[in-house]
Amino acid sequence: MGTAAQLVRALQMYSRTAWWGIVQPRLHEREPLVVAQAVILRGEAESREVLLAVRSDICGWELPGGTVEPGESAEACAVREVYEETGLDVEVDRHVGDWVRTGFRPHTARIYLCRVVGGEIRPSRETPEVGWFPCTATPETLFPWYHEPLAVGLICNRLPVRCHERQGLAAILAGIRIDLRMRLGRGDRS
């Protein structure tokens, strides 16, 4: 697909995302949105790696996970979403913390440290790219709101944290910059 077509596609996706992030939460949602995400590690000490995924809508590396379904626990959601997005079966080791985000797409991101117990890594329709990255050298196209949850997840035996973040214009522009870099083929690939 040519650059112009990529940009047109990006603008269409940004319009849908703007509706989803600005209008929909204020008009249609009664309960606060909760997403569950996983810090999945392999290796030891200096060689430790983290599993990241690129979604098919907004392109950029992120922690695997998704929206908690009605009646589902956040922990069960993390396990289900990791399998759907990566093909890996995981078990939750501990709750890393909750990132309560206001501004664009208000939600709580509940982060879990998980370990692989089976399955084979594979991309999916929702996450066309999945890869392992050194924890000390994550891609420049990792969305910035994942840096702190990943750092906290790497700290052993820590109690869960509760952080508050406002995702305003700076976060939106950072996401667009990363998306365009990935979309136009100048992003970090596994």
N, C-alpha and C. Protein backbone atom coordinates (compact mmCIF):
# COMPACT_ATOMS: atom_id res chain seq x y z
N MET A 1 0.85 -1.17 0.00
CA MET A 1 0.00 0.00 0.00
C MET A 1 0.90 1.24 0.00
N GLY A 2 0.58 2.23 -0.84
CA GLY A 2 1.38 3.43 -0.95
C GLY A 2 1.25 4.34 0.26
N THR A 3 2.15 5.32 0.34
CA THR A 3 2.16 6.25 1.48
C THR A 3 0.85 7.03 1.58
N ALA A 4 0.34 7.52 0.44
CA ALA A 4 -0.91 8.29 0.47
C ALA A 4 -2.06 7.44 0.98
N ALA A 5 -2.15 6.20 0.51
CA ALA A 5 -3.21 5.30 0.96
C ALA A 5 -3.06 5.00 2.45
N GLN A 6 -1.83 4.84 2.91
CA GLN A 6 -1.58 4.60 4.34
C GLN A 6 -2.06 5.79 5.17
N LEU A 7 -1.79 7.01 4.69
CA LEU A 7 -2.21 8.20 5.42
C LEU A 7 -3.73 8.35 5.45
N VAL A 8 -4.39 8.05 4.33
CA VAL A 8 -5.85 8.11 4.30
C VAL A 8 -6.43 7.10 5.28
N ARG A 9 -5.89 5.90 5.26
CA ARG A 9 -6.35 4.86 6.19
C ARG A 9 -6.13 5.30 7.64
N ALA A 10 -4.98 5.92 7.90
CA ALA A 10 -4.68 6.40 9.26
C ALA A 10 -5.69 7.47 9.69
N LEU A 11 -6.01 8.41 8.81
CA LEU A 11 -6.97 9.46 9.15
C LEU A 11 -8.35 8.89 9.45
N GLN A 12 -8.77 7.88 8.69
CA GLN A 12 -10.06 7.23 8.96
C GLN A 12 -10.04 6.56 10.34
N MET A 13 -8.95 5.87 10.63
CA MET A 13 -8.82 5.19 11.92
C MET A 13 -8.75 6.21 13.05
N TYR A 14 -8.06 7.34 12.85
CA TYR A 14 -7.99 8.37 13.89
C TYR A 14 -9.37 8.95 14.19
N SER A 15 -10.21 9.09 13.16
CA SER A 15 -11.58 9.59 13.38
C SER A 15 -12.37 8.63 14.25
N ARG A 16 -12.29 7.33 13.96
CA ARG A 16 -12.98 6.32 14.79
C ARG A 16 -12.43 6.32 16.22
N THR A 17 -11.12 6.43 16.33
CA THR A 17 -10.49 6.41 17.64
C THR A 17 -10.87 7.65 18.45
N ALA A 18 -10.97 8.80 17.79
CA ALA A 18 -11.38 10.03 18.48
C ALA A 18 -12.79 9.87 19.04
N TRP A 19 -13.69 9.31 18.26
CA TRP A 19 -15.06 9.07 18.74
C TRP A 19 -15.02 8.13 19.94
N TRP A 20 -14.28 7.02 19.80
CA TRP A 20 -14.16 6.01 20.84
C TRP A 20 -13.54 6.59 22.12
N GLY A 21 -12.57 7.49 21.97
CA GLY A 21 -11.85 7.99 23.13
C GLY A 21 -12.41 9.24 23.77
N ILE A 22 -13.17 10.03 23.00
CA ILE A 22 -13.66 11.29 23.53
C ILE A 22 -15.18 11.27 23.74
N VAL A 23 -15.93 10.85 22.75
CA VAL A 23 -17.39 10.95 22.80
C VAL A 23 -18.03 9.75 23.48
N GLN A 24 -17.70 8.55 23.04
CA GLN A 24 -18.37 7.34 23.54
C GLN A 24 -18.33 7.20 25.06
N PRO A 25 -17.19 7.43 25.72
CA PRO A 25 -17.19 7.25 27.18
C PRO A 25 -18.15 8.21 27.90
N ARG A 26 -18.34 9.36 27.34
CA ARG A 26 -19.17 10.37 28.00
C ARG A 26 -20.65 10.20 27.70
N LEU A 27 -20.98 9.56 26.57
CA LEU A 27 -22.38 9.39 26.19
C LEU A 27 -22.96 8.03 26.52
N HIS A 28 -22.16 6.99 26.40
CA HIS A 28 -22.73 5.64 26.41
C HIS A 28 -22.30 4.75 27.57
N GLU A 29 -21.26 5.08 28.29
CA GLU A 29 -20.75 4.16 29.30
C GLU A 29 -21.20 4.56 30.69
N ARG A 30 -21.84 3.63 31.36
CA ARG A 30 -22.31 3.85 32.73
C ARG A 30 -21.22 3.47 33.75
N GLU A 31 -20.52 2.38 33.47
CA GLU A 31 -19.47 1.89 34.35
C GLU A 31 -18.11 2.31 33.80
N PRO A 32 -17.16 2.61 34.67
CA PRO A 32 -15.82 2.93 34.18
C PRO A 32 -15.20 1.73 33.45
N LEU A 33 -14.51 2.00 32.36
CA LEU A 33 -13.87 0.95 31.58
C LEU A 33 -12.66 0.40 32.34
N VAL A 34 -12.54 -0.92 32.36
CA VAL A 34 -11.38 -1.58 32.96
C VAL A 34 -10.76 -2.47 31.89
N VAL A 35 -9.45 -2.30 31.69
CA VAL A 35 -8.71 -3.18 30.80
C VAL A 35 -7.68 -3.93 31.63
N ALA A 36 -7.41 -5.15 31.23
CA ALA A 36 -6.41 -5.97 31.92
C ALA A 36 -5.28 -6.22 30.94
N GLN A 37 -4.05 -6.01 31.41
CA GLN A 37 -2.89 -6.19 30.55
C GLN A 37 -1.83 -6.97 31.30
N ALA A 38 -0.92 -7.58 30.52
CA ALA A 38 0.05 -8.48 31.10
C ALA A 38 1.48 -8.07 30.77
N VAL A 39 2.30 -8.07 31.79
CA VAL A 39 3.75 -8.01 31.63
C VAL A 39 4.19 -9.46 31.64
N ILE A 40 4.64 -9.96 30.49
CA ILE A 40 5.04 -11.37 30.36
C ILE A 40 6.54 -11.38 30.13
N LEU A 41 7.26 -12.04 31.02
CA LEU A 41 8.72 -12.03 30.97
C LEU A 41 9.27 -13.42 30.71
N ARG A 42 10.47 -13.45 30.13
CA ARG A 42 11.23 -14.69 30.01
C ARG A 42 12.70 -14.35 30.19
N GLY A 43 13.46 -15.35 30.62
CA GLY A 43 14.90 -15.14 30.83
C GLY A 43 15.19 -14.68 32.24
N GLU A 44 16.48 -14.50 32.49
CA GLU A 44 16.96 -14.12 33.81
C GLU A 44 17.80 -12.85 33.74
N ALA A 45 17.77 -12.07 34.79
CA ALA A 45 18.60 -10.88 35.01
C ALA A 45 18.81 -10.05 33.75
N GLU A 46 20.07 -9.93 33.28
CA GLU A 46 20.38 -9.05 32.16
C GLU A 46 19.78 -9.50 30.84
N SER A 47 19.42 -10.78 30.72
CA SER A 47 18.89 -11.28 29.46
C SER A 47 17.35 -11.35 29.46
N ARG A 48 16.73 -10.76 30.45
CA ARG A 48 15.26 -10.81 30.56
C ARG A 48 14.62 -10.08 29.39
N GLU A 49 13.54 -10.69 28.86
CA GLU A 49 12.80 -10.12 27.74
C GLU A 49 11.33 -9.99 28.11
N VAL A 50 10.65 -9.04 27.46
CA VAL A 50 9.22 -8.82 27.66
C VAL A 50 8.51 -9.05 26.33
N LEU A 51 7.31 -9.62 26.40
CA LEU A 51 6.50 -9.86 25.21
C LEU A 51 5.64 -8.63 24.94
N LEU A 52 5.73 -8.13 23.70
CA LEU A 52 4.94 -6.98 23.28
C LEU A 52 4.17 -7.33 22.02
N ALA A 53 3.12 -6.57 21.75
CA ALA A 53 2.27 -6.81 20.58
C ALA A 53 1.94 -5.48 19.91
N VAL A 54 1.67 -5.56 18.61
CA VAL A 54 1.20 -4.40 17.84
C VAL A 54 -0.23 -4.69 17.44
N ARG A 55 -1.15 -3.79 17.78
CA ARG A 55 -2.55 -3.97 17.42
C ARG A 55 -2.77 -3.63 15.95
N SER A 56 -3.87 -4.07 15.42
CA SER A 56 -4.17 -3.82 14.01
C SER A 56 -4.80 -2.45 13.77
N ASP A 57 -5.27 -1.78 14.83
CA ASP A 57 -5.88 -0.46 14.63
C ASP A 57 -4.84 0.65 14.83
N ILE A 58 -4.44 0.91 16.04
CA ILE A 58 -3.39 1.90 16.32
C ILE A 58 -2.07 1.14 16.38
N CYS A 59 -1.15 1.46 15.49
CA CYS A 59 0.12 0.73 15.40
C CYS A 59 1.14 1.29 16.37
N GLY A 60 1.64 0.44 17.20
CA GLY A 60 2.67 0.75 18.18
C GLY A 60 2.77 -0.43 19.13
N TRP A 61 3.93 -0.63 19.70
CA TRP A 61 4.11 -1.77 20.61
C TRP A 61 3.42 -1.47 21.94
N GLU A 62 2.82 -2.51 22.50
CA GLU A 62 2.12 -2.38 23.78
C GLU A 62 2.11 -3.72 24.50
N LEU A 63 1.67 -3.69 25.76
CA LEU A 63 1.48 -4.92 26.52
C LEU A 63 0.21 -5.60 26.02
N PRO A 64 0.23 -6.93 25.87
CA PRO A 64 -1.01 -7.61 25.45
C PRO A 64 -2.09 -7.48 26.51
N GLY A 65 -3.33 -7.46 26.07
CA GLY A 65 -4.46 -7.37 27.00
C GLY A 65 -5.67 -6.79 26.32
N GLY A 66 -6.72 -6.57 27.10
CA GLY A 66 -7.95 -6.03 26.52
C GLY A 66 -9.00 -5.74 27.57
N THR A 67 -10.19 -5.49 27.09
CA THR A 67 -11.31 -5.06 27.93
C THR A 67 -11.91 -6.21 28.73
N VAL A 68 -12.14 -5.95 30.00
CA VAL A 68 -12.79 -6.92 30.88
C VAL A 68 -14.26 -7.02 30.48
N GLU A 69 -14.72 -8.24 30.23
CA GLU A 69 -16.11 -8.49 29.85
C GLU A 69 -17.00 -8.50 31.10
N PRO A 70 -18.31 -8.22 30.94
CA PRO A 70 -19.22 -8.27 32.10
C PRO A 70 -19.16 -9.64 32.78
N GLY A 71 -19.03 -9.64 34.10
CA GLY A 71 -18.97 -10.87 34.88
C GLY A 71 -17.61 -11.54 34.89
N GLU A 72 -16.63 -10.98 34.20
CA GLU A 72 -15.30 -11.58 34.12
C GLU A 72 -14.37 -10.85 35.09
N SER A 73 -13.49 -11.56 35.76
CA SER A 73 -12.50 -10.89 36.60
C SER A 73 -11.40 -10.33 35.71
N ALA A 74 -10.73 -9.30 36.19
CA ALA A 74 -9.63 -8.71 35.41
C ALA A 74 -8.51 -9.72 35.21
N GLU A 75 -8.25 -10.54 36.21
CA GLU A 75 -7.21 -11.57 36.11
C GLU A 75 -7.55 -12.58 35.00
N ALA A 76 -8.80 -13.05 34.98
CA ALA A 76 -9.24 -13.98 33.93
C ALA A 76 -9.18 -13.32 32.55
N CYS A 77 -9.51 -12.04 32.50
CA CYS A 77 -9.45 -11.30 31.24
C CYS A 77 -8.02 -11.25 30.72
N ALA A 78 -7.06 -10.98 31.59
CA ALA A 78 -5.66 -10.92 31.16
C ALA A 78 -5.23 -12.24 30.55
N VAL A 79 -5.57 -13.35 31.20
CA VAL A 79 -5.21 -14.68 30.69
C VAL A 79 -5.87 -14.93 29.34
N ARG A 80 -7.16 -14.62 29.23
CA ARG A 80 -7.90 -14.83 27.97
C ARG A 80 -7.34 -13.98 26.84
N GLU A 81 -7.14 -12.70 27.11
CA GLU A 81 -6.66 -11.79 26.08
C GLU A 81 -5.25 -12.14 25.61
N VAL A 82 -4.39 -12.54 26.52
CA VAL A 82 -3.04 -12.94 26.13
C VAL A 82 -3.11 -14.13 25.17
N TYR A 83 -3.96 -15.10 25.48
CA TYR A 83 -4.09 -16.26 24.59
C TYR A 83 -4.63 -15.83 23.22
N GLU A 84 -5.69 -15.02 23.22
CA GLU A 84 -6.29 -14.59 21.96
C GLU A 84 -5.30 -13.80 21.11
N GLU A 85 -4.49 -12.96 21.74
CA GLU A 85 -3.59 -12.07 20.99
C GLU A 85 -2.25 -12.68 20.65
N THR A 86 -1.78 -13.66 21.45
CA THR A 86 -0.42 -14.16 21.26
C THR A 86 -0.30 -15.66 21.06
N GLY A 87 -1.36 -16.42 21.39
CA GLY A 87 -1.29 -17.88 21.33
C GLY A 87 -0.66 -18.51 22.55
N LEU A 88 -0.25 -17.72 23.53
CA LEU A 88 0.41 -18.25 24.71
C LEU A 88 -0.57 -18.41 25.88
N ASP A 89 -0.43 -19.51 26.59
CA ASP A 89 -1.17 -19.73 27.83
C ASP A 89 -0.31 -19.17 28.95
N VAL A 90 -0.91 -18.34 29.78
CA VAL A 90 -0.17 -17.74 30.89
C VAL A 90 -0.90 -17.95 32.20
N GLU A 91 -0.15 -17.84 33.28
CA GLU A 91 -0.70 -17.80 34.63
C GLU A 91 -0.27 -16.49 35.26
N VAL A 92 -1.14 -15.93 36.05
CA VAL A 92 -0.84 -14.68 36.73
C VAL A 92 -0.01 -14.97 37.97
N ASP A 93 1.13 -14.29 38.09
CA ASP A 93 1.97 -14.40 39.29
C ASP A 93 1.57 -13.37 40.34
N ARG A 94 1.30 -12.12 39.88
CA ARG A 94 0.90 -11.10 40.84
C ARG A 94 0.28 -9.90 40.13
N HIS A 95 -0.47 -9.15 40.90
CA HIS A 95 -1.07 -7.89 40.44
C HIS A 95 0.00 -6.81 40.60
N VAL A 96 0.40 -6.21 39.48
CA VAL A 96 1.43 -5.16 39.50
C VAL A 96 0.84 -3.85 40.00
N GLY A 97 -0.37 -3.52 39.51
CA GLY A 97 -0.99 -2.28 39.94
C GLY A 97 -2.08 -1.82 39.00
N ASP A 98 -2.69 -0.70 39.35
CA ASP A 98 -3.76 -0.09 38.56
C ASP A 98 -3.33 1.30 38.14
N TRP A 99 -3.47 1.59 36.86
CA TRP A 99 -3.20 2.91 36.31
C TRP A 99 -4.54 3.51 35.94
N VAL A 100 -4.97 4.49 36.74
CA VAL A 100 -6.26 5.14 36.54
C VAL A 100 -6.00 6.34 35.62
N ARG A 101 -6.56 6.26 34.42
CA ARG A 101 -6.28 7.27 33.40
C ARG A 101 -7.52 8.10 33.11
N THR A 102 -7.32 9.40 33.13
CA THR A 102 -8.39 10.34 32.81
C THR A 102 -8.02 11.07 31.51
N GLY A 103 -8.92 11.89 31.04
CA GLY A 103 -8.68 12.61 29.79
C GLY A 103 -9.17 11.78 28.63
N PHE A 104 -8.29 11.51 27.68
CA PHE A 104 -8.66 10.71 26.52
C PHE A 104 -8.93 9.27 26.95
N ARG A 105 -10.06 8.74 26.60
CA ARG A 105 -10.50 7.38 26.91
C ARG A 105 -10.27 7.02 28.37
N PRO A 106 -11.06 7.62 29.28
CA PRO A 106 -10.90 7.31 30.70
C PRO A 106 -11.05 5.80 30.95
N HIS A 107 -10.13 5.26 31.72
CA HIS A 107 -10.17 3.83 32.03
C HIS A 107 -9.20 3.52 33.16
N THR A 108 -9.32 2.32 33.68
CA THR A 108 -8.32 1.79 34.61
C THR A 108 -7.63 0.64 33.92
N ALA A 109 -6.31 0.72 33.83
CA ALA A 109 -5.51 -0.38 33.29
C ALA A 109 -5.00 -1.19 34.47
N ARG A 110 -5.49 -2.40 34.59
CA ARG A 110 -5.07 -3.30 35.66
C ARG A 110 -3.98 -4.20 35.07
N ILE A 111 -2.78 -4.10 35.62
CA ILE A 111 -1.61 -4.76 35.06
C ILE A 111 -1.22 -5.96 35.94
N TYR A 112 -0.95 -7.09 35.27
CA TYR A 112 -0.54 -8.32 35.95
C TYR A 112 0.80 -8.80 35.42
N LEU A 113 1.62 -9.32 36.32
CA LEU A 113 2.84 -10.01 35.93
C LEU A 113 2.45 -11.46 35.67
N CYS A 114 2.78 -11.96 34.49
CA CYS A 114 2.38 -13.31 34.10
C CYS A 114 3.58 -14.12 33.62
N ARG A 115 3.43 -15.43 33.67
CA ARG A 115 4.46 -16.32 33.12
C ARG A 115 3.82 -17.29 32.15
N VAL A 116 4.58 -17.65 31.14
CA VAL A 116 4.10 -18.56 30.11
C VAL A 116 4.10 -19.98 30.66
N VAL A 117 2.97 -20.68 30.46
CA VAL A 117 2.87 -22.08 30.89
C VAL A 117 2.57 -23.02 29.72
N GLY A 118 2.41 -22.47 28.52
CA GLY A 118 2.15 -23.31 27.36
C GLY A 118 1.80 -22.48 26.14
N GLY A 119 1.47 -23.18 25.08
CA GLY A 119 1.09 -22.51 23.84
C GLY A 119 2.29 -22.20 22.96
N GLU A 120 1.99 -21.68 21.79
CA GLU A 120 3.01 -21.30 20.82
C GLU A 120 2.75 -19.85 20.42
N ILE A 121 3.79 -19.04 20.41
CA ILE A 121 3.62 -17.64 20.05
C ILE A 121 3.20 -17.53 18.58
N ARG A 122 2.20 -16.69 18.35
CA ARG A 122 1.69 -16.45 17.00
C ARG A 122 0.93 -15.13 16.99
N PRO A 123 0.98 -14.43 15.87
CA PRO A 123 0.17 -13.21 15.77
C PRO A 123 -1.30 -13.59 15.59
N SER A 124 -2.16 -12.59 15.67
CA SER A 124 -3.59 -12.81 15.48
C SER A 124 -4.15 -11.71 14.59
N ARG A 125 -5.42 -11.80 14.27
CA ARG A 125 -6.06 -10.75 13.48
C ARG A 125 -6.01 -9.42 14.22
N GLU A 126 -6.18 -9.47 15.53
CA GLU A 126 -6.18 -8.26 16.36
C GLU A 126 -4.76 -7.73 16.59
N THR A 127 -3.78 -8.63 16.68
CA THR A 127 -2.39 -8.25 16.91
C THR A 127 -1.51 -8.93 15.86
N PRO A 128 -1.33 -8.27 14.70
CA PRO A 128 -0.59 -8.89 13.61
C PRO A 128 0.91 -9.05 13.86
N GLU A 129 1.44 -8.41 14.90
CA GLU A 129 2.85 -8.57 15.25
C GLU A 129 2.97 -8.81 16.75
N VAL A 130 3.78 -9.80 17.09
CA VAL A 130 4.05 -10.15 18.48
C VAL A 130 5.54 -10.46 18.55
N GLY A 131 6.22 -9.97 19.58
CA GLY A 131 7.65 -10.25 19.67
C GLY A 131 8.21 -10.04 21.06
N TRP A 132 9.36 -10.70 21.30
CA TRP A 132 10.08 -10.56 22.55
C TRP A 132 11.14 -9.47 22.38
N PHE A 133 11.27 -8.62 23.40
CA PHE A 133 12.25 -7.54 23.38
C PHE A 133 13.01 -7.52 24.70
N PRO A 134 14.32 -7.18 24.65
CA PRO A 134 15.06 -7.04 25.91
C PRO A 134 14.41 -5.96 26.78
N CYS A 135 14.25 -6.24 28.05
CA CYS A 135 13.63 -5.27 28.95
C CYS A 135 14.45 -3.99 29.04
N THR A 136 15.75 -4.10 28.79
CA THR A 136 16.62 -2.92 28.86
C THR A 136 16.68 -2.16 27.54
N ALA A 137 16.02 -2.68 26.50
CA ALA A 137 16.06 -2.03 25.18
C ALA A 137 14.72 -2.22 24.47
N THR A 138 13.66 -1.70 25.07
CA THR A 138 12.35 -1.81 24.43
C THR A 138 12.32 -0.91 23.19
N PRO A 139 11.45 -1.20 22.25
CA PRO A 139 11.42 -0.40 21.02
C PRO A 139 11.05 1.06 21.28
N GLU A 140 11.60 1.94 20.45
CA GLU A 140 11.25 3.36 20.55
C GLU A 140 9.77 3.57 20.25
N THR A 141 9.15 2.63 19.58
CA THR A 141 7.73 2.72 19.22
C THR A 141 6.83 1.99 20.22
N LEU A 142 7.33 1.82 21.45
CA LEU A 142 6.49 1.36 22.56
C LEU A 142 5.70 2.59 23.03
N PHE A 143 4.38 2.48 23.06
CA PHE A 143 3.58 3.61 23.52
C PHE A 143 4.06 4.05 24.90
N PRO A 144 4.20 5.36 25.14
CA PRO A 144 4.83 5.84 26.38
C PRO A 144 4.09 5.47 27.66
N TRP A 145 2.78 5.24 27.58
CA TRP A 145 2.03 4.93 28.80
C TRP A 145 2.28 3.50 29.28
N TYR A 146 3.11 2.73 28.57
CA TYR A 146 3.47 1.38 29.02
C TYR A 146 4.82 1.34 29.73
N HIS A 147 5.60 2.41 29.68
CA HIS A 147 6.92 2.40 30.30
C HIS A 147 6.85 2.19 31.81
N GLU A 148 6.00 2.94 32.49
CA GLU A 148 5.91 2.82 33.94
C GLU A 148 5.35 1.47 34.38
N PRO A 149 4.24 0.97 33.79
CA PRO A 149 3.78 -0.36 34.21
C PRO A 149 4.83 -1.45 33.99
N LEU A 150 5.58 -1.35 32.91
CA LEU A 150 6.64 -2.34 32.67
C LEU A 150 7.73 -2.22 33.73
N ALA A 151 8.16 -1.01 34.02
CA ALA A 151 9.21 -0.82 35.03
C ALA A 151 8.76 -1.34 36.40
N VAL A 152 7.53 -1.04 36.78
CA VAL A 152 7.03 -1.51 38.07
C VAL A 152 6.90 -3.04 38.06
N GLY A 153 6.49 -3.61 36.93
CA GLY A 153 6.37 -5.06 36.83
C GLY A 153 7.69 -5.79 36.98
N LEU A 154 8.79 -5.13 36.67
CA LEU A 154 10.12 -5.74 36.78
C LEU A 154 10.64 -5.78 38.21
N ILE A 155 10.02 -5.03 39.10
CA ILE A 155 10.46 -4.99 40.49
C ILE A 155 9.85 -6.19 41.22
N CYS A 156 10.71 -7.05 41.74
CA CYS A 156 10.24 -8.27 42.41
C CYS A 156 9.61 -7.96 43.77
N ASN A 157 8.62 -8.76 44.12
CA ASN A 157 8.00 -8.72 45.45
C ASN A 157 7.50 -7.35 45.87
N ARG A 158 6.97 -6.61 44.96
CA ARG A 158 6.42 -5.29 45.28
C ARG A 158 4.91 -5.40 45.40
N LEU A 159 4.36 -4.66 46.33
CA LEU A 159 2.91 -4.60 46.46
C LEU A 159 2.33 -3.84 45.27
N PRO A 160 1.08 -4.11 44.91
CA PRO A 160 0.47 -3.38 43.79
C PRO A 160 0.44 -1.87 44.04
N VAL A 161 0.66 -1.12 42.97
CA VAL A 161 0.63 0.34 43.06
C VAL A 161 -0.69 0.85 42.48
N ARG A 162 -1.00 2.08 42.78
CA ARG A 162 -2.16 2.75 42.18
C ARG A 162 -1.65 4.11 41.69
N CYS A 163 -1.67 4.29 40.39
CA CYS A 163 -1.15 5.52 39.78
C CYS A 163 -2.27 6.23 39.05
N HIS A 164 -2.19 7.55 39.04
CA HIS A 164 -3.17 8.36 38.33
C HIS A 164 -2.45 9.12 37.22
N GLU A 165 -2.98 9.02 36.01
CA GLU A 165 -2.40 9.69 34.85
C GLU A 165 -3.49 10.42 34.08
N ARG A 166 -3.14 11.56 33.57
CA ARG A 166 -4.04 12.27 32.66
C ARG A 166 -3.48 12.11 31.26
N GLN A 167 -4.30 11.54 30.38
CA GLN A 167 -3.87 11.38 29.00
C GLN A 167 -4.49 12.50 28.18
N GLY A 168 -3.72 13.55 28.03
CA GLY A 168 -4.17 14.73 27.30
C GLY A 168 -3.56 14.78 25.91
N LEU A 169 -3.41 15.98 25.42
CA LEU A 169 -2.93 16.21 24.06
C LEU A 169 -1.54 15.62 23.83
N ALA A 170 -0.64 15.72 24.81
CA ALA A 170 0.71 15.18 24.64
C ALA A 170 0.67 13.67 24.40
N ALA A 171 -0.17 12.95 25.15
CA ALA A 171 -0.28 11.50 24.95
C ALA A 171 -0.89 11.18 23.59
N ILE A 172 -1.90 11.94 23.18
CA ILE A 172 -2.52 11.72 21.87
C ILE A 172 -1.51 11.94 20.75
N LEU A 173 -0.74 13.02 20.83
CA LEU A 173 0.25 13.31 19.80
C LEU A 173 1.37 12.27 19.79
N ALA A 174 1.78 11.80 20.96
CA ALA A 174 2.80 10.74 21.02
C ALA A 174 2.28 9.47 20.36
N GLY A 175 1.01 9.13 20.61
CA GLY A 175 0.42 7.95 19.98
C GLY A 175 0.35 8.09 18.47
N ILE A 176 -0.04 9.26 17.99
CA ILE A 176 -0.11 9.49 16.54
C ILE A 176 1.28 9.40 15.91
N ARG A 177 2.27 9.99 16.57
CA ARG A 177 3.64 9.94 16.04
C ARG A 177 4.13 8.50 15.91
N ILE A 178 3.90 7.71 16.95
CA ILE A 178 4.33 6.30 16.92
C ILE A 178 3.55 5.53 15.86
N ASP A 179 2.24 5.76 15.78
CA ASP A 179 1.42 5.07 14.79
C ASP A 179 1.92 5.37 13.37
N LEU A 180 2.16 6.62 13.08
CA LEU A 180 2.63 6.98 11.73
C LEU A 180 4.01 6.40 11.45
N ARG A 181 4.87 6.41 12.44
CA ARG A 181 6.20 5.82 12.25
C ARG A 181 6.10 4.33 11.93
N MET A 182 5.25 3.63 12.65
CA MET A 182 5.06 2.19 12.40
C MET A 182 4.38 1.96 11.06
N ARG A 183 3.34 2.73 10.80
CA ARG A 183 2.53 2.57 9.59
C ARG A 183 3.35 2.83 8.32
N LEU A 184 4.27 3.78 8.41
CA LEU A 184 5.08 4.14 7.24
C LEU A 184 6.38 3.34 7.17
N GLY A 185 6.46 2.31 8.05
CA GLY A 185 7.59 1.38 7.95
C GLY A 185 8.89 1.83 8.58
N ARG A 186 8.83 2.79 9.49
CA ARG A 186 10.05 3.26 10.12
C ARG A 186 10.06 2.91 11.61
N GLY A 187 9.26 1.93 12.01
CA GLY A 187 9.20 1.56 13.42
C GLY A 187 10.04 0.35 13.72
N ASP A 188 10.21 0.06 15.01
CA ASP A 188 10.96 -1.13 15.45
C ASP A 188 10.11 -2.35 15.22
N ARG A 189 10.64 -3.32 14.56
CA ARG A 189 9.94 -4.58 14.29
C ARG A 189 10.69 -5.71 14.98
N SER A 190 9.93 -6.75 15.34
CA SER A 190 10.59 -7.90 15.99
C SER A 190 11.34 -8.72 14.99
